[in-house]
C-alpha atoms as a PDB file:
ATOM      1  CA  UNK A   1      87.619 112.596 108.431  1.00  0.00           C
ATOM      2  CA  UNK A   2      87.664 110.138 105.559  1.00  0.00           C
ATOM      3  CA  UNK A   3      87.683 106.503 106.405  1.00  0.00           C
ATOM      4  CA  UNK A   4      90.195 104.418 104.460  1.00  0.00           C
ATOM      5  CA  UNK A   5      88.422 101.379 103.023  1.00  0.00           C
ATOM      6  CA  UNK A   6      91.691  99.460 103.143  1.00  0.00           C
ATOM      7  CA  UNK A   7      92.140  99.691 106.911  1.00  0.00           C
ATOM      8  CA  UNK A   8      91.018  96.105 107.508  1.00  0.00           C
ATOM      9  CA  UNK A   9      93.299  94.788 104.773  1.00  0.00           C
ATOM     10  CA  UNK A  10      96.307  96.732 105.998  1.00  0.00           C
ATOM     11  CA  UNK A  11      95.665  95.790 109.630  1.00  0.00           C
ATOM     12  CA  UNK A  12      95.716  92.096 108.670  1.00  0.00           C
ATOM     13  CA  UNK A  13      98.854  92.626 106.565  1.00  0.00           C
ATOM     14  CA  UNK A  14     100.615  94.250 109.502  1.00  0.00           C
ATOM     15  CA  UNK A  15      99.806  91.301 111.773  1.00  0.00           C
ATOM     16  CA  UNK A  16     100.971  88.901 109.051  1.00  0.00           C
ATOM     17  CA  UNK A  17     104.172  90.904 108.508  1.00  0.00           C
ATOM     18  CA  UNK A  18     105.275  90.835 112.114  1.00  0.00           C
ATOM     19  CA  UNK A  19     104.116  87.285 112.834  1.00  0.00           C
ATOM     20  CA  UNK A  20     107.188  85.426 111.458  1.00  0.00           C
ATOM     21  CA  UNK A  21     109.517  87.801 113.347  1.00  0.00           C
ATOM     22  CA  UNK A  22     107.649  87.292 116.594  1.00  0.00           C
ATOM     23  CA  UNK A  23     107.516  83.494 116.120  1.00  0.00           C
ATOM     24  CA  UNK A  24     111.276  83.371 115.613  1.00  0.00           C
ATOM     25  CA  UNK A  25     111.939  85.797 118.434  1.00  0.00           C
ATOM     26  CA  UNK A  26     110.017  83.617 120.886  1.00  0.00           C
ATOM     27  CA  UNK A  27     112.248  80.721 119.863  1.00  0.00           C
ATOM     28  CA  UNK A  28     115.340  82.888 120.275  1.00  0.00           C
ATOM     29  CA  UNK A  29     116.106  82.505 116.578  1.00  0.00           C
ATOM     30  CA  UNK A  30     115.202  85.815 114.983  1.00  0.00           C
ATOM     31  CA  UNK A  31     118.578  85.798 113.266  1.00  0.00           C
ATOM     32  CA  UNK A  32     117.382  82.886 111.118  1.00  0.00           C
ATOM     33  CA  UNK A  33     115.107  85.258 109.281  1.00  0.00           C
ATOM     34  CA  UNK A  34     116.531  87.163 106.415  1.00  0.00           C
ATOM     35  CA  UNK A  35     118.219  90.265 107.793  1.00  0.00           C
ATOM     36  CA  UNK A  36     116.099  92.650 105.765  1.00  0.00           C
ATOM     37  CA  UNK A  37     112.856  90.902 106.705  1.00  0.00           C
ATOM     38  CA  UNK A  38     113.779  90.775 110.385  1.00  0.00           C
ATOM     39  CA  UNK A  39     114.871  94.394 110.426  1.00  0.00           C
ATOM     40  CA  UNK A  40     111.699  95.450 108.608  1.00  0.00           C
ATOM     41  CA  UNK A  41     109.375  93.423 110.871  1.00  0.00           C
ATOM     42  CA  UNK A  42     111.292  94.444 114.015  1.00  0.00           C
ATOM     43  CA  UNK A  43     111.188  98.068 112.889  1.00  0.00           C
ATOM     44  CA  UNK A  44     107.456  97.793 112.216  1.00  0.00           C
ATOM     45  CA  UNK A  45     106.899  96.254 115.660  1.00  0.00           C
ATOM     46  CA  UNK A  46     108.878  99.042 117.368  1.00  0.00           C
ATOM     47  CA  UNK A  47     107.136 101.723 115.335  1.00  0.00           C
ATOM     48  CA  UNK A  48     103.720 100.336 116.258  1.00  0.00           C
ATOM     49  CA  UNK A  49     104.611 100.231 119.953  1.00  0.00           C
ATOM     50  CA  UNK A  50     105.437 103.952 119.807  1.00  0.00           C
ATOM     51  CA  UNK A  51     102.497 105.067 117.720  1.00  0.00           C
ATOM     52  CA  UNK A  52      99.517 103.003 118.861  1.00  0.00           C
ATOM     53  CA  UNK A  53      97.062 103.914 121.549  1.00  0.00           C
ATOM     54  CA  UNK A  54      96.694 101.825 124.684  1.00  0.00           C
ATOM     55  CA  UNK A  55      94.143  99.269 123.442  1.00  0.00           C
ATOM     56  CA  UNK A  56      95.960  98.504 120.216  1.00  0.00           C
ATOM     57  CA  UNK A  57      99.319  98.515 122.058  1.00  0.00           C
ATOM     58  CA  UNK A  58      97.896  95.977 124.542  1.00  0.00           C
ATOM     59  CA  UNK A  59      96.744  93.766 121.641  1.00  0.00           C
ATOM     60  CA  UNK A  60     100.221  94.070 120.117  1.00  0.00           C
ATOM     61  CA  UNK A  61     101.796  92.984 123.388  1.00  0.00           C
ATOM     62  CA  UNK A  62      99.438  90.010 123.707  1.00  0.00           C
ATOM     63  CA  UNK A  63     100.340  88.977 120.146  1.00  0.00           C
ATOM     64  CA  UNK A  64     104.055  89.324 121.029  1.00  0.00           C
ATOM     65  CA  UNK A  65     103.580  86.990 123.998  1.00  0.00           C
ATOM     66  CA  UNK A  66     101.798  84.330 121.906  1.00  0.00           C
ATOM     67  CA  UNK A  67     102.289  84.865 118.182  1.00  0.00           C
ATOM     68  CA  UNK A  68     100.929  81.390 117.384  1.00  0.00           C
ATOM     69  CA  UNK A  69      97.527  82.275 118.812  1.00  0.00           C
ATOM     70  CA  UNK A  70      94.996  83.017 116.101  1.00  0.00           C
ATOM     71  CA  UNK A  71      92.919  84.764 118.752  1.00  0.00           C
ATOM     72  CA  UNK A  72      95.677  87.236 119.589  1.00  0.00           C
ATOM     73  CA  UNK A  73      96.405  87.811 115.899  1.00  0.00           C
ATOM     74  CA  UNK A  74      92.698  88.498 115.241  1.00  0.00           C
ATOM     75  CA  UNK A  75      92.485  90.806 118.246  1.00  0.00           C
ATOM     76  CA  UNK A  76      95.531  92.708 116.996  1.00  0.00           C
ATOM     77  CA  UNK A  77      94.087  93.015 113.494  1.00  0.00           C
ATOM     78  CA  UNK A  78      90.785  94.321 114.905  1.00  0.00           C
ATOM     79  CA  UNK A  79      92.464  96.906 117.154  1.00  0.00           C
ATOM     80  CA  UNK A  80      94.765  97.989 114.356  1.00  0.00           C
ATOM     81  CA  UNK A  81      91.848  98.428 112.013  1.00  0.00           C
ATOM     82  CA  UNK A  82      90.081 100.644 114.551  1.00  0.00           C
ATOM     83  CA  UNK A  83      93.265 102.691 115.051  1.00  0.00           C
ATOM     84  CA  UNK A  84      93.849 103.060 111.319  1.00  0.00           C
ATOM     85  CA  UNK A  85      90.251 104.128 110.700  1.00  0.00           C
ATOM     86  CA  UNK A  86      90.411 106.715 113.480  1.00  0.00           C
ATOM     87  CA  UNK A  87      93.865 108.155 112.697  1.00  0.00           C
ATOM     88  CA  UNK A  88      94.652 109.110 109.129  1.00  0.00           C
ATOM     89  CA  UNK A  89      98.178 110.137 110.134  1.00  0.00           C
ATOM     90  CA  UNK A  90      98.805 106.658 111.537  1.00  0.00           C
ATOM     91  CA  UNK A  91      97.706 105.133 108.232  1.00  0.00           C
ATOM     92  CA  UNK A  92      99.858 107.544 106.229  1.00  0.00           C
ATOM     93  CA  UNK A  93     102.900 106.971 108.455  1.00  0.00           C
ATOM     94  CA  UNK A  94     102.467 103.217 108.180  1.00  0.00           C
ATOM     95  CA  UNK A  95     102.279 103.348 104.414  1.00  0.00           C
ATOM     96  CA  UNK A  96     105.173 105.781 104.149  1.00  0.00           C
ATOM     97  CA  UNK A  97     107.521 103.940 106.559  1.00  0.00           C
ATOM     98  CA  UNK A  98     106.651 100.348 105.775  1.00  0.00           C
ATOM     99  CA  UNK A  99     104.859 100.343 102.392  1.00  0.00           C
ATOM    100  CA  UNK A 100     107.335  97.940 100.790  1.00  0.00           C
ATOM    101  CA  UNK A 101     106.962  95.519 103.707  1.00  0.00           C
ATOM    102  CA  UNK A 102     103.209  95.459 103.360  1.00  0.00           C
ATOM    103  CA  UNK A 103     101.059  94.819 100.369  1.00  0.00           C
ATOM    104  CA  UNK A 104      99.539  98.269 100.039  1.00  0.00           C
ATOM    105  CA  UNK A 105      95.766  98.476  99.735  1.00  0.00           C
ATOM    106  CA  UNK A 106      96.006  99.503  96.099  1.00  0.00           C
ATOM    107  CA  UNK A 107      97.713  96.155  95.380  1.00  0.00           C
ATOM    108  CA  UNK A 108      94.998  94.138  97.159  1.00  0.00           C
ATOM    109  CA  UNK A 109      92.853  91.896  95.089  1.00  0.00           C
ATOM    110  CA  UNK A 110      89.184  91.535  95.963  1.00  0.00           C
ATOM    111  CA  UNK A 111      86.621  89.270  94.357  1.00  0.00           C
ATOM    112  CA  UNK A 112      82.903  89.601  94.857  1.00  0.00           C
ATOM    113  CA  UNK A 113      80.820  86.864  93.244  1.00  0.00           C
ATOM    114  CA  UNK A 114      77.216  85.882  93.271  1.00  0.00           C
ATOM    115  CA  UNK A 115      75.361  83.013  91.664  1.00  0.00           C
ATOM    116  CA  UNK A 116      76.223  79.361  91.216  1.00  0.00           C
ATOM    117  CA  UNK A 117      79.183  77.548  89.659  1.00  0.00           C
ATOM    118  CA  UNK A 118      81.607  80.481  89.795  1.00  0.00           C
ATOM    119  CA  UNK A 119      85.345  80.180  90.025  1.00  0.00           C
ATOM    120  CA  UNK A 120      87.984  82.789  90.691  1.00  0.00           C
ATOM    121  CA  UNK A 121      91.759  82.975  90.722  1.00  0.00           C
ATOM    122  CA  UNK A 122      93.959  85.658  92.336  1.00  0.00           C
ATOM    123  CA  UNK A 123      97.427  85.897  90.833  1.00  0.00           C
ATOM    124  CA  UNK A 124     100.284  88.111  91.890  1.00  0.00           C
ATOM    125  CA  UNK A 125     103.618  88.646  90.222  1.00  0.00           C
ATOM    126  CA  UNK A 126     104.556  88.804  86.575  1.00  0.00           C
ATOM    127  CA  UNK A 127     104.978  86.246  83.846  1.00  0.00           C
ATOM    128  CA  UNK A 128     102.237  84.006  85.256  1.00  0.00           C
ATOM    129  CA  UNK A 129     100.064  81.805  83.077  1.00  0.00           C
ATOM    130  CA  UNK A 130      96.777  80.165  83.950  1.00  0.00           C
ATOM    131  CA  UNK A 131      95.504  77.050  82.223  1.00  0.00           C
ATOM    132  CA  UNK A 132      91.862  76.165  82.637  1.00  0.00           C
END
């Protein structure tokens, strides 16, 4: 079994992707979200409920109950990471079904620095300029 090094990144992206949908749903205003985003996040939420094991599903349910809680979001990310590391098919299904909704691991930007007086900038998109 190969462990996907992007499991932690994708787990966090999943929690971030469903968070706005859950926040609006708790306020009874999910329709305020763009239809595509709401459908994507709602579909992701339903898919996760069907595919996850009991611990991760329980973390998902706790996050659904209180999507403003950083603790429940962190717990979900941690349980998702474990599930994604243990189940390559889950990771593949997530990427295949919801890749456009998530920033795939290959699009992640990581910076590792050492020493003093360093600076770093992460930029996404096209046509960007940076003045220093």
